[in-house]
């Protein structure tokens, strides 16, 4: 461990999950900041955190915080991350990284201007089963990878007042859920050379279901489905000429997968053994990078986070979804 002291910005559900995993891994959570002193103190009391700040500015000014986890809703990510970077803090920014590619580029520029780490909290990339998946592909176990397909489909809510259905809050299945399978396709196949998208929009104009077909540099194809109105298998598959990998439900969390040949022979079955939810692996990666004097992730570089947001922008343009914040 590096001795880095973590600050938690915001106190919602994802902040609870992440902080629990940080403490499971023995990492130092030094402070929490919220828009209200009461919320910050409740969070601090729950997790035994030494300092509770009643504003994000107070958290930014805390000299005993080295790195901040940004856990606000994604329309606030860019503003919050840039403020922390300009205050001299490294940042781990919850996904989706920002609302748009332009905002993502602004965060990247702030990180580089300050010589600090800014990293997207796409925690799936850092999980042990994904490390093994990439190793199998690199070793040629699948032969030529031809297709990737994955879904992130949940039955959440049709309530038009819910954040997920509110355009002004960045609502929609794409940014909340679709970011997972889309980032997965990037991870396995690299940047897409073409993107086609279709969607069903909710009554509010936010996307309720989104489907994509992407072509990648090798010629491989990927397909993704995201939905906030219906629960699907939440599995992922990587198909090659010599074998395929089937990642079980829920594929983007610690889970199992099988490496199977075309005739059905199972060559390997991987079973995750992870304490907690598994969000600590991204934090450990961030600490390792900083200890090595590096300011960009090797598994998800900042330029890739910006480019993925560009793909999401492209998809939204195709399906007719535009946020009020966009010029």
C-alpha atoms as a PDB file:
ATOM      1  CA  UNK A   1       0.000   0.000   0.000  1.00  0.00           C
ATOM      2  CA  UNK A   2       1.087   3.561  -0.661  1.00  0.00           C
ATOM      3  CA  UNK A   3      -0.308   5.286   2.413  1.00  0.00           C
ATOM      4  CA  UNK A   4      -2.636   7.391   0.280  1.00  0.00           C
ATOM      5  CA  UNK A   5      -5.503   9.009   2.151  1.00  0.00           C
ATOM      6  CA  UNK A   6      -8.879   8.792   0.434  1.00  0.00           C
ATOM      7  CA  UNK A   7     -11.655  11.321   0.439  1.00  0.00           C
ATOM      8  CA  UNK A   8     -15.221  10.400  -0.542  1.00  0.00           C
ATOM      9  CA  UNK A   9     -17.188  13.070  -2.415  1.00  0.00           C
ATOM     10  CA  UNK A  10     -20.958  12.512  -1.974  1.00  0.00           C
ATOM     11  CA  UNK A  11     -22.762  10.029   0.245  1.00  0.00           C
ATOM     12  CA  UNK A  12     -25.162   8.043  -1.980  1.00  0.00           C
ATOM     13  CA  UNK A  13     -25.450   4.318  -2.498  1.00  0.00           C
ATOM     14  CA  UNK A  14     -22.391   3.912  -4.711  1.00  0.00           C
ATOM     15  CA  UNK A  15     -20.265   5.836  -2.187  1.00  0.00           C
ATOM     16  CA  UNK A  16     -21.370   3.394   0.517  1.00  0.00           C
ATOM     17  CA  UNK A  17     -20.442   0.377  -1.621  1.00  0.00           C
ATOM     18  CA  UNK A  18     -17.049   1.792  -2.586  1.00  0.00           C
ATOM     19  CA  UNK A  19     -16.121   2.900   0.927  1.00  0.00           C
ATOM     20  CA  UNK A  20     -17.001  -0.514   2.312  1.00  0.00           C
ATOM     21  CA  UNK A  21     -14.705  -2.159  -0.224  1.00  0.00           C
ATOM     22  CA  UNK A  22     -11.914   0.337   0.472  1.00  0.00           C
ATOM     23  CA  UNK A  23     -12.026  -0.585   4.135  1.00  0.00           C
ATOM     24  CA  UNK A  24     -12.234  -4.296   3.304  1.00  0.00           C
ATOM     25  CA  UNK A  25      -8.940  -3.849   1.444  1.00  0.00           C
ATOM     26  CA  UNK A  26      -7.407  -1.984   4.393  1.00  0.00           C
ATOM     27  CA  UNK A  27      -7.115   1.331   2.583  1.00  0.00           C
ATOM     28  CA  UNK A  28      -7.189   4.643   4.458  1.00  0.00           C
ATOM     29  CA  UNK A  29     -10.458   6.587   4.202  1.00  0.00           C
ATOM     30  CA  UNK A  30      -9.612   9.925   5.780  1.00  0.00           C
ATOM     31  CA  UNK A  31     -12.564  12.205   5.006  1.00  0.00           C
ATOM     32  CA  UNK A  32     -15.988  12.516   3.428  1.00  0.00           C
ATOM     33  CA  UNK A  33     -17.604  15.566   1.874  1.00  0.00           C
ATOM     34  CA  UNK A  34     -21.279  16.212   1.241  1.00  0.00           C
ATOM     35  CA  UNK A  35     -23.491  19.173   0.383  1.00  0.00           C
ATOM     36  CA  UNK A  36     -24.746  19.059   3.955  1.00  0.00           C
ATOM     37  CA  UNK A  37     -22.867  18.667   7.210  1.00  0.00           C
ATOM     38  CA  UNK A  38     -25.533  16.293   8.528  1.00  0.00           C
ATOM     39  CA  UNK A  39     -25.200  13.861   5.623  1.00  0.00           C
ATOM     40  CA  UNK A  40     -21.406  13.934   5.826  1.00  0.00           C
ATOM     41  CA  UNK A  41     -21.454  13.261   9.563  1.00  0.00           C
ATOM     42  CA  UNK A  42     -23.876  10.344   9.227  1.00  0.00           C
ATOM     43  CA  UNK A  43     -21.621   8.789   6.590  1.00  0.00           C
ATOM     44  CA  UNK A  44     -18.511   9.395   8.685  1.00  0.00           C
ATOM     45  CA  UNK A  45     -20.163   7.830  11.731  1.00  0.00           C
ATOM     46  CA  UNK A  46     -21.236   4.780   9.739  1.00  0.00           C
ATOM     47  CA  UNK A  47     -17.728   4.052   8.465  1.00  0.00           C
ATOM     48  CA  UNK A  48     -15.616   5.491  11.284  1.00  0.00           C
ATOM     49  CA  UNK A  49     -14.142   8.198   9.044  1.00  0.00           C
ATOM     50  CA  UNK A  50     -12.171  10.837  10.988  1.00  0.00           C
ATOM     51  CA  UNK A  51     -13.389  13.993   9.244  1.00  0.00           C
ATOM     52  CA  UNK A  52     -16.763  15.017   7.818  1.00  0.00           C
ATOM     53  CA  UNK A  53     -17.017  18.094   5.606  1.00  0.00           C
ATOM     54  CA  UNK A  54     -20.269  19.928   4.952  1.00  0.00           C
ATOM     55  CA  UNK A  55     -19.241  21.047   1.474  1.00  0.00           C
ATOM     56  CA  UNK A  56     -17.163  19.817  -1.430  1.00  0.00           C
ATOM     57  CA  UNK A  57     -14.972  22.916  -1.132  1.00  0.00           C
ATOM     58  CA  UNK A  58     -14.053  21.902   2.414  1.00  0.00           C
ATOM     59  CA  UNK A  59     -13.096  18.444   1.170  1.00  0.00           C
ATOM     60  CA  UNK A  60     -10.950  19.993  -1.565  1.00  0.00           C
ATOM     61  CA  UNK A  61      -9.158  22.122   1.047  1.00  0.00           C
ATOM     62  CA  UNK A  62      -8.449  19.209   3.407  1.00  0.00           C
ATOM     63  CA  UNK A  63      -4.637  18.828   3.525  1.00  0.00           C
ATOM     64  CA  UNK A  64      -4.934  15.241   4.754  1.00  0.00           C
ATOM     65  CA  UNK A  65      -6.663  13.965   1.592  1.00  0.00           C
ATOM     66  CA  UNK A  66      -4.565  12.749  -1.337  1.00  0.00           C
ATOM     67  CA  UNK A  67      -7.123  11.183  -3.672  1.00  0.00           C
ATOM     68  CA  UNK A  68     -10.878  11.724  -4.009  1.00  0.00           C
ATOM     69  CA  UNK A  69     -13.548   9.319  -5.208  1.00  0.00           C
ATOM     70  CA  UNK A  70     -16.200  11.266  -7.146  1.00  0.00           C
ATOM     71  CA  UNK A  71     -19.571   9.645  -6.382  1.00  0.00           C
ATOM     72  CA  UNK A  72     -22.047  12.315  -7.463  1.00  0.00           C
ATOM     73  CA  UNK A  73     -24.532  11.783 -10.341  1.00  0.00           C
ATOM     74  CA  UNK A  74     -22.717  11.981 -13.661  1.00  0.00           C
ATOM     75  CA  UNK A  75     -23.881  15.491 -14.690  1.00  0.00           C
ATOM     76  CA  UNK A  76     -21.743  16.785 -11.801  1.00  0.00           C
ATOM     77  CA  UNK A  77     -18.664  14.630 -12.441  1.00  0.00           C
ATOM     78  CA  UNK A  78     -16.711  17.098 -14.571  1.00  0.00           C
ATOM     79  CA  UNK A  79     -17.207  20.062 -12.234  1.00  0.00           C
ATOM     80  CA  UNK A  80     -16.400  18.017  -9.137  1.00  0.00           C
ATOM     81  CA  UNK A  81     -13.360  16.291 -10.645  1.00  0.00           C
ATOM     82  CA  UNK A  82     -11.839  19.496 -12.010  1.00  0.00           C
ATOM     83  CA  UNK A  83     -12.313  21.231  -8.644  1.00  0.00           C
ATOM     84  CA  UNK A  84     -10.491  18.392  -6.848  1.00  0.00           C
ATOM     85  CA  UNK A  85      -7.697  18.275  -9.436  1.00  0.00           C
ATOM     86  CA  UNK A  86      -7.176  22.017  -9.208  1.00  0.00           C
ATOM     87  CA  UNK A  87      -6.960  21.605  -5.431  1.00  0.00           C
ATOM     88  CA  UNK A  88      -4.113  19.118  -5.877  1.00  0.00           C
ATOM     89  CA  UNK A  89      -6.044  15.874  -5.391  1.00  0.00           C
ATOM     90  CA  UNK A  90      -5.899  12.785  -7.580  1.00  0.00           C
ATOM     91  CA  UNK A  91      -9.374  11.616  -8.605  1.00  0.00           C
ATOM     92  CA  UNK A  92     -11.189   8.349  -9.289  1.00  0.00           C
ATOM     93  CA  UNK A  93     -14.370   9.346 -11.122  1.00  0.00           C
ATOM     94  CA  UNK A  94     -17.422   7.095 -11.036  1.00  0.00           C
ATOM     95  CA  UNK A  95     -18.642   5.945 -14.439  1.00  0.00           C
ATOM     96  CA  UNK A  96     -19.837   7.168 -16.785  1.00  0.00           C
ATOM     97  CA  UNK A  97     -16.806   9.437 -16.595  1.00  0.00           C
ATOM     98  CA  UNK A  98     -18.822  12.540 -17.479  1.00  0.00           C
ATOM     99  CA  UNK A  99     -21.977  13.556 -19.347  1.00  0.00           C
ATOM    100  CA  UNK A 100     -20.297  14.212 -22.713  1.00  0.00           C
ATOM    101  CA  UNK A 101     -16.960  13.804 -24.474  1.00  0.00           C
ATOM    102  CA  UNK A 102     -16.314  17.550 -24.192  1.00  0.00           C
ATOM    103  CA  UNK A 103     -16.619  17.330 -20.414  1.00  0.00           C
ATOM    104  CA  UNK A 104     -14.367  14.266 -20.353  1.00  0.00           C
ATOM    105  CA  UNK A 105     -11.712  16.148 -22.313  1.00  0.00           C
ATOM    106  CA  UNK A 106     -11.916  19.012 -19.815  1.00  0.00           C
ATOM    107  CA  UNK A 107     -11.245  16.616 -16.932  1.00  0.00           C
ATOM    108  CA  UNK A 108      -8.350  15.039 -18.836  1.00  0.00           C
ATOM    109  CA  UNK A 109      -6.870  18.465 -19.511  1.00  0.00           C
ATOM    110  CA  UNK A 110      -7.180  19.443 -15.844  1.00  0.00           C
ATOM    111  CA  UNK A 111      -5.422  16.229 -14.783  1.00  0.00           C
ATOM    112  CA  UNK A 112      -2.570  16.833 -17.188  1.00  0.00           C
ATOM    113  CA  UNK A 113      -2.333  20.512 -16.260  1.00  0.00           C
ATOM    114  CA  UNK A 114      -1.908  19.543 -12.614  1.00  0.00           C
ATOM    115  CA  UNK A 115       0.207  16.425 -13.176  1.00  0.00           C
ATOM    116  CA  UNK A 116      -2.277  14.243 -11.290  1.00  0.00           C
ATOM    117  CA  UNK A 117      -4.046  10.920 -11.784  1.00  0.00           C
ATOM    118  CA  UNK A 118      -7.601  11.054 -13.088  1.00  0.00           C
ATOM    119  CA  UNK A 119      -9.096   7.626 -13.653  1.00  0.00           C
ATOM    120  CA  UNK A 120     -12.538   6.373 -14.640  1.00  0.00           C
ATOM    121  CA  UNK A 121     -14.026   4.029 -12.053  1.00  0.00           C
ATOM    122  CA  UNK A 122     -14.972   1.338 -14.555  1.00  0.00           C
ATOM    123  CA  UNK A 123     -14.359  -1.226 -11.854  1.00  0.00           C
ATOM    124  CA  UNK A 124     -15.121  -4.247 -14.063  1.00  0.00           C
ATOM    125  CA  UNK A 125     -11.846  -3.830 -15.957  1.00  0.00           C
ATOM    126  CA  UNK A 126      -9.857  -4.343 -12.772  1.00  0.00           C
ATOM    127  CA  UNK A 127     -11.660  -7.462 -11.500  1.00  0.00           C
ATOM    128  CA  UNK A 128      -9.641 -10.701 -11.357  1.00  0.00           C
ATOM    129  CA  UNK A 129     -11.852 -12.571 -13.836  1.00  0.00           C
ATOM    130  CA  UNK A 130     -11.329  -9.830 -16.434  1.00  0.00           C
ATOM    131  CA  UNK A 131      -7.578  -9.969 -15.887  1.00  0.00           C
ATOM    132  CA  UNK A 132      -7.756 -13.696 -16.688  1.00  0.00           C
ATOM    133  CA  UNK A 133     -10.009 -13.129 -19.727  1.00  0.00           C
ATOM    134  CA  UNK A 134      -7.522 -10.686 -21.247  1.00  0.00           C
ATOM    135  CA  UNK A 135      -4.644 -13.098 -20.573  1.00  0.00           C
ATOM    136  CA  UNK A 136      -6.428 -15.949 -22.374  1.00  0.00           C
ATOM    137  CA  UNK A 137      -7.092 -13.725 -25.386  1.00  0.00           C
ATOM    138  CA  UNK A 138      -3.500 -12.433 -25.450  1.00  0.00           C
ATOM    139  CA  UNK A 139      -2.197 -16.014 -25.285  1.00  0.00           C
ATOM    140  CA  UNK A 140      -4.271 -16.955 -28.348  1.00  0.00           C
ATOM    141  CA  UNK A 141      -6.605 -19.373 -26.546  1.00  0.00           C
ATOM    142  CA  UNK A 142      -9.573 -18.111 -28.572  1.00  0.00           C
ATOM    143  CA  UNK A 143      -7.812 -17.920 -31.912  1.00  0.00           C
ATOM    144  CA  UNK A 144      -9.089 -14.940 -33.890  1.00  0.00           C
ATOM    145  CA  UNK A 145     -11.751 -13.073 -31.898  1.00  0.00           C
ATOM    146  CA  UNK A 146     -14.716 -12.571 -34.217  1.00  0.00           C
ATOM    147  CA  UNK A 147     -17.589 -11.301 -32.062  1.00  0.00           C
ATOM    148  CA  UNK A 148     -18.366  -9.851 -28.637  1.00  0.00           C
ATOM    149  CA  UNK A 149     -21.830  -9.432 -27.197  1.00  0.00           C
ATOM    150  CA  UNK A 150     -23.062  -8.347 -23.782  1.00  0.00           C
ATOM    151  CA  UNK A 151     -26.117  -6.915 -22.100  1.00  0.00           C
ATOM    152  CA  UNK A 152     -26.820  -4.785 -19.050  1.00  0.00           C
ATOM    153  CA  UNK A 153     -30.549  -4.980 -18.584  1.00  0.00           C
ATOM    154  CA  UNK A 154     -32.442  -4.287 -15.387  1.00  0.00           C
ATOM    155  CA  UNK A 155     -36.048  -3.646 -14.435  1.00  0.00           C
ATOM    156  CA  UNK A 156     -35.586  -0.457 -12.453  1.00  0.00           C
ATOM    157  CA  UNK A 157     -38.453   1.992 -12.766  1.00  0.00           C
ATOM    158  CA  UNK A 158     -40.850   3.656 -15.189  1.00  0.00           C
ATOM    159  CA  UNK A 159     -41.463   6.541 -12.763  1.00  0.00           C
ATOM    160  CA  UNK A 160     -41.030   9.704 -14.887  1.00  0.00           C
ATOM    161  CA  UNK A 161     -39.753  11.630 -11.860  1.00  0.00           C
ATOM    162  CA  UNK A 162     -36.943   9.153 -11.155  1.00  0.00           C
ATOM    163  CA  UNK A 163     -33.390  10.311 -11.917  1.00  0.00           C
ATOM    164  CA  UNK A 164     -32.967   7.517 -14.461  1.00  0.00           C
ATOM    165  CA  UNK A 165     -35.793   8.947 -16.576  1.00  0.00           C
ATOM    166  CA  UNK A 166     -34.895  12.638 -16.217  1.00  0.00           C
ATOM    167  CA  UNK A 167     -32.894  14.103 -19.115  1.00  0.00           C
ATOM    168  CA  UNK A 168     -31.754  17.078 -17.030  1.00  0.00           C
ATOM    169  CA  UNK A 169     -30.076  14.583 -14.673  1.00  0.00           C
ATOM    170  CA  UNK A 170     -28.407  12.647 -17.496  1.00  0.00           C
ATOM    171  CA  UNK A 171     -31.028   9.917 -17.218  1.00  0.00           C
ATOM    172  CA  UNK A 172     -31.375   6.987 -19.580  1.00  0.00           C
ATOM    173  CA  UNK A 173     -30.237   3.398 -19.845  1.00  0.00           C
ATOM    174  CA  UNK A 174     -27.243   4.249 -22.019  1.00  0.00           C
ATOM    175  CA  UNK A 175     -25.095   6.209 -19.577  1.00  0.00           C
ATOM    176  CA  UNK A 176     -26.149   4.367 -16.425  1.00  0.00           C
ATOM    177  CA  UNK A 177     -26.153   0.807 -17.788  1.00  0.00           C
ATOM    178  CA  UNK A 178     -24.976   0.739 -21.393  1.00  0.00           C
ATOM    179  CA  UNK A 179     -21.578   2.131 -20.441  1.00  0.00           C
ATOM    180  CA  UNK A 180     -20.684  -1.322 -19.063  1.00  0.00           C
ATOM    181  CA  UNK A 181     -21.110  -3.449 -22.209  1.00  0.00           C
ATOM    182  CA  UNK A 182     -19.829  -0.659 -24.449  1.00  0.00           C
ATOM    183  CA  UNK A 183     -16.648  -0.272 -22.408  1.00  0.00           C
ATOM    184  CA  UNK A 184     -16.359  -4.080 -22.410  1.00  0.00           C
ATOM    185  CA  UNK A 185     -16.440  -4.133 -26.219  1.00  0.00           C
ATOM    186  CA  UNK A 186     -13.728  -1.446 -26.293  1.00  0.00           C
ATOM    187  CA  UNK A 187     -11.664  -3.429 -23.788  1.00  0.00           C
ATOM    188  CA  UNK A 188     -11.742  -6.642 -25.841  1.00  0.00           C
ATOM    189  CA  UNK A 189     -11.782  -5.303 -29.416  1.00  0.00           C
ATOM    190  CA  UNK A 190     -10.463  -1.747 -29.229  1.00  0.00           C
ATOM    191  CA  UNK A 191     -12.042   1.376 -30.676  1.00  0.00           C
ATOM    192  CA  UNK A 192     -14.985   0.906 -33.047  1.00  0.00           C
ATOM    193  CA  UNK A 193     -14.633   2.011 -36.643  1.00  0.00           C
ATOM    194  CA  UNK A 194     -18.405   2.242 -37.085  1.00  0.00           C
ATOM    195  CA  UNK A 195     -21.357   2.445 -34.716  1.00  0.00           C
ATOM    196  CA  UNK A 196     -25.038   1.788 -35.415  1.00  0.00           C
ATOM    197  CA  UNK A 197     -27.636   2.301 -32.707  1.00  0.00           C
ATOM    198  CA  UNK A 198     -31.368   1.962 -32.184  1.00  0.00           C
ATOM    199  CA  UNK A 199     -33.450   2.769 -29.123  1.00  0.00           C
ATOM    200  CA  UNK A 200     -36.852   2.904 -27.512  1.00  0.00           C
ATOM    201  CA  UNK A 201     -37.367   6.182 -25.680  1.00  0.00           C
ATOM    202  CA  UNK A 202     -39.308   6.671 -22.466  1.00  0.00           C
ATOM    203  CA  UNK A 203     -42.142   9.134 -22.083  1.00  0.00           C
ATOM    204  CA  UNK A 204     -39.683  11.752 -20.821  1.00  0.00           C
ATOM    205  CA  UNK A 205     -37.436  11.438 -23.882  1.00  0.00           C
ATOM    206  CA  UNK A 206     -34.753   9.511 -22.026  1.00  0.00           C
ATOM    207  CA  UNK A 207     -33.631   6.196 -23.521  1.00  0.00           C
ATOM    208  CA  UNK A 208     -35.238   3.131 -21.943  1.00  0.00           C
ATOM    209  CA  UNK A 209     -33.633   0.534 -24.251  1.00  0.00           C
ATOM    210  CA  UNK A 210     -30.594   0.917 -26.499  1.00  0.00           C
ATOM    211  CA  UNK A 211     -29.060  -1.593 -28.905  1.00  0.00           C
ATOM    212  CA  UNK A 212     -25.736  -1.145 -30.694  1.00  0.00           C
ATOM    213  CA  UNK A 213     -23.784  -2.912 -33.414  1.00  0.00           C
ATOM    214  CA  UNK A 214     -20.153  -1.864 -33.763  1.00  0.00           C
ATOM    215  CA  UNK A 215     -17.395  -2.836 -36.177  1.00  0.00           C
ATOM    216  CA  UNK A 216     -13.850  -2.742 -34.786  1.00  0.00           C
ATOM    217  CA  UNK A 217     -10.433  -2.337 -36.328  1.00  0.00           C
ATOM    218  CA  UNK A 218      -9.821  -6.055 -36.786  1.00  0.00           C
ATOM    219  CA  UNK A 219     -13.145  -6.452 -38.546  1.00  0.00           C
ATOM    220  CA  UNK A 220     -14.692  -8.073 -35.453  1.00  0.00           C
ATOM    221  CA  UNK A 221     -18.263  -7.160 -34.530  1.00  0.00           C
ATOM    222  CA  UNK A 222     -19.764  -6.338 -31.152  1.00  0.00           C
ATOM    223  CA  UNK A 223     -23.363  -6.023 -30.071  1.00  0.00           C
ATOM    224  CA  UNK A 224     -24.739  -4.562 -26.850  1.00  0.00           C
ATOM    225  CA  UNK A 225     -28.153  -4.154 -25.267  1.00  0.00           C
ATOM    226  CA  UNK A 226     -29.029  -1.945 -22.309  1.00  0.00           C
ATOM    227  CA  UNK A 227     -32.425  -1.513 -20.683  1.00  0.00           C
ATOM    228  CA  UNK A 228     -33.837   0.080 -17.547  1.00  0.00           C
ATOM    229  CA  UNK A 229     -37.310  -1.419 -18.018  1.00  0.00           C
ATOM    230  CA  UNK A 230     -36.687  -5.187 -18.321  1.00  0.00           C
ATOM    231  CA  UNK A 231     -34.196  -7.615 -16.786  1.00  0.00           C
ATOM    232  CA  UNK A 232     -32.215  -9.849 -19.132  1.00  0.00           C
ATOM    233  CA  UNK A 233     -29.466 -12.434 -18.646  1.00  0.00           C
ATOM    234  CA  UNK A 234     -26.697  -9.886 -17.932  1.00  0.00           C
ATOM    235  CA  UNK A 235     -24.101 -12.181 -19.458  1.00  0.00           C
ATOM    236  CA  UNK A 236     -21.236 -11.563 -21.871  1.00  0.00           C
ATOM    237  CA  UNK A 237     -19.621 -13.657 -24.588  1.00  0.00           C
ATOM    238  CA  UNK A 238     -16.388 -13.473 -26.557  1.00  0.00           C
ATOM    239  CA  UNK A 239     -16.352 -15.759 -29.579  1.00  0.00           C
ATOM    240  CA  UNK A 240     -13.179 -16.754 -31.396  1.00  0.00           C
ATOM    241  CA  UNK A 241     -12.294 -19.204 -34.134  1.00  0.00           C
ATOM    242  CA  UNK A 242     -10.770 -21.729 -31.690  1.00  0.00           C
ATOM    243  CA  UNK A 243     -12.838 -21.191 -28.528  1.00  0.00           C
ATOM    244  CA  UNK A 244     -15.252 -18.861 -26.781  1.00  0.00           C
ATOM    245  CA  UNK A 245     -15.516 -17.341 -23.330  1.00  0.00           C
ATOM    246  CA  UNK A 246     -18.963 -17.266 -21.680  1.00  0.00           C
ATOM    247  CA  UNK A 247     -19.087 -14.926 -18.681  1.00  0.00           C
ATOM    248  CA  UNK A 248     -21.969 -15.696 -16.368  1.00  0.00           C
ATOM    249  CA  UNK A 249     -24.498 -13.476 -14.664  1.00  0.00           C
ATOM    250  CA  UNK A 250     -23.670 -10.892 -13.533  1.00  0.00           C
ATOM    251  CA  UNK A 251     -20.759 -10.545 -15.932  1.00  0.00           C
ATOM    252  CA  UNK A 252     -19.561  -7.091 -14.831  1.00  0.00           C
ATOM    253  CA  UNK A 253     -19.239  -8.170 -11.165  1.00  0.00           C
ATOM    254  CA  UNK A 254     -17.064 -10.943  -9.675  1.00  0.00           C
ATOM    255  CA  UNK A 255     -18.428 -14.086 -11.321  1.00  0.00           C
ATOM    256  CA  UNK A 256     -17.561 -17.269 -13.211  1.00  0.00           C
ATOM    257  CA  UNK A 257     -16.696 -17.944 -16.823  1.00  0.00           C
ATOM    258  CA  UNK A 258     -15.892 -20.898 -19.041  1.00  0.00           C
ATOM    259  CA  UNK A 259     -13.472 -21.308 -21.919  1.00  0.00           C
ATOM    260  CA  UNK A 260     -15.162 -23.707 -24.348  1.00  0.00           C
ATOM    261  CA  UNK A 261     -14.081 -25.168 -27.693  1.00  0.00           C
ATOM    262  CA  UNK A 262     -16.408 -25.302 -30.736  1.00  0.00           C
ATOM    263  CA  UNK A 263     -17.233 -28.957 -29.969  1.00  0.00           C
ATOM    264  CA  UNK A 264     -18.365 -28.079 -26.426  1.00  0.00           C
ATOM    265  CA  UNK A 265     -15.267 -29.160 -24.498  1.00  0.00           C
ATOM    266  CA  UNK A 266     -14.734 -26.938 -21.447  1.00  0.00           C
ATOM    267  CA  UNK A 267     -11.014 -26.158 -21.255  1.00  0.00           C
ATOM    268  CA  UNK A 268     -11.181 -23.905 -18.205  1.00  0.00           C
ATOM    269  CA  UNK A 269     -13.720 -22.790 -15.639  1.00  0.00           C
ATOM    270  CA  UNK A 270     -12.849 -19.699 -13.641  1.00  0.00           C
ATOM    271  CA  UNK A 271     -14.519 -18.952 -10.304  1.00  0.00           C
ATOM    272  CA  UNK A 272     -14.041 -15.538  -8.681  1.00  0.00           C
ATOM    273  CA  UNK A 273     -13.062 -15.457  -5.011  1.00  0.00           C
ATOM    274  CA  UNK A 274     -13.402 -11.821  -4.017  1.00  0.00           C
ATOM    275  CA  UNK A 275     -13.993 -10.153  -0.667  1.00  0.00           C
ATOM    276  CA  UNK A 276     -16.767  -7.580  -0.713  1.00  0.00           C
ATOM    277  CA  UNK A 277     -18.229  -6.290  -3.948  1.00  0.00           C
ATOM    278  CA  UNK A 278     -14.879  -6.040  -5.743  1.00  0.00           C
ATOM    279  CA  UNK A 279     -14.655  -2.272  -6.121  1.00  0.00           C
ATOM    280  CA  UNK A 280     -11.361  -2.230  -4.222  1.00  0.00           C
ATOM    281  CA  UNK A 281      -9.389  -3.493  -7.221  1.00  0.00           C
ATOM    282  CA  UNK A 282      -9.704  -0.201  -9.073  1.00  0.00           C
ATOM    283  CA  UNK A 283      -8.599   1.649  -5.924  1.00  0.00           C
ATOM    284  CA  UNK A 284      -5.599  -0.635  -5.540  1.00  0.00           C
ATOM    285  CA  UNK A 285      -4.739   0.005  -9.204  1.00  0.00           C
ATOM    286  CA  UNK A 286      -4.941   3.761  -8.643  1.00  0.00           C
ATOM    287  CA  UNK A 287      -2.665   3.515  -5.615  1.00  0.00           C
ATOM    288  CA  UNK A 288      -0.184   1.399  -7.570  1.00  0.00           C
ATOM    289  CA  UNK A 289      -0.065   3.911 -10.421  1.00  0.00           C
ATOM    290  CA  UNK A 290       0.513   6.826  -8.079  1.00  0.00           C
ATOM    291  CA  UNK A 291       3.216   4.928  -6.173  1.00  0.00           C
ATOM    292  CA  UNK A 292       4.983   4.371  -9.495  1.00  0.00           C
ATOM    293  CA  UNK A 293       4.790   8.067 -10.341  1.00  0.00           C
ATOM    294  CA  UNK A 294       2.283   7.474 -13.143  1.00  0.00           C
ATOM    295  CA  UNK A 295      -0.736   9.636 -13.870  1.00  0.00           C
ATOM    296  CA  UNK A 296      -2.716   7.495 -16.308  1.00  0.00           C
ATOM    297  CA  UNK A 297      -4.304   4.063 -16.080  1.00  0.00           C
ATOM    298  CA  UNK A 298      -2.768   1.238 -18.078  1.00  0.00           C
ATOM    299  CA  UNK A 299      -6.105  -0.618 -18.331  1.00  0.00           C
ATOM    300  CA  UNK A 300      -8.287   2.403 -19.147  1.00  0.00           C
ATOM    301  CA  UNK A 301      -6.229   5.432 -20.238  1.00  0.00           C
ATOM    302  CA  UNK A 302      -7.806   8.861 -20.023  1.00  0.00           C
ATOM    303  CA  UNK A 303      -7.796   9.248 -23.792  1.00  0.00           C
ATOM    304  CA  UNK A 304      -9.850   6.055 -24.033  1.00  0.00           C
ATOM    305  CA  UNK A 305     -12.358   7.307 -21.454  1.00  0.00           C
ATOM    306  CA  UNK A 306     -12.747  10.481 -23.527  1.00  0.00           C
ATOM    307  CA  UNK A 307     -13.152   8.454 -26.724  1.00  0.00           C
ATOM    308  CA  UNK A 308     -15.745   6.153 -25.144  1.00  0.00           C
ATOM    309  CA  UNK A 309     -17.739   9.225 -24.138  1.00  0.00           C
ATOM    310  CA  UNK A 310     -17.472  10.253 -27.800  1.00  0.00           C
ATOM    311  CA  UNK A 311     -19.041   6.921 -28.788  1.00  0.00           C
ATOM    312  CA  UNK A 312     -21.865   7.551 -26.309  1.00  0.00           C
ATOM    313  CA  UNK A 313     -22.331  11.015 -27.842  1.00  0.00           C
ATOM    314  CA  UNK A 314     -22.547   9.377 -31.282  1.00  0.00           C
ATOM    315  CA  UNK A 315     -25.109   6.842 -30.080  1.00  0.00           C
ATOM    316  CA  UNK A 316     -27.232   9.562 -28.499  1.00  0.00           C
ATOM    317  CA  UNK A 317     -27.141  11.563 -31.715  1.00  0.00           C
ATOM    318  CA  UNK A 318     -28.398   8.514 -33.621  1.00  0.00           C
ATOM    319  CA  UNK A 319     -31.241   7.794 -31.207  1.00  0.00           C
ATOM    320  CA  UNK A 320     -32.272  11.415 -30.694  1.00  0.00           C
ATOM    321  CA  UNK A 321     -31.334  11.974 -27.060  1.00  0.00           C
ATOM    322  CA  UNK A 322     -29.920  15.352 -26.073  1.00  0.00           C
ATOM    323  CA  UNK A 323     -29.377  16.723 -22.573  1.00  0.00           C
ATOM    324  CA  UNK A 324     -30.514  20.248 -21.668  1.00  0.00           C
ATOM    325  CA  UNK A 325     -26.933  21.058 -20.515  1.00  0.00           C
ATOM    326  CA  UNK A 326     -25.560  20.579 -24.030  1.00  0.00           C
ATOM    327  CA  UNK A 327     -25.011  23.742 -26.045  1.00  0.00           C
END
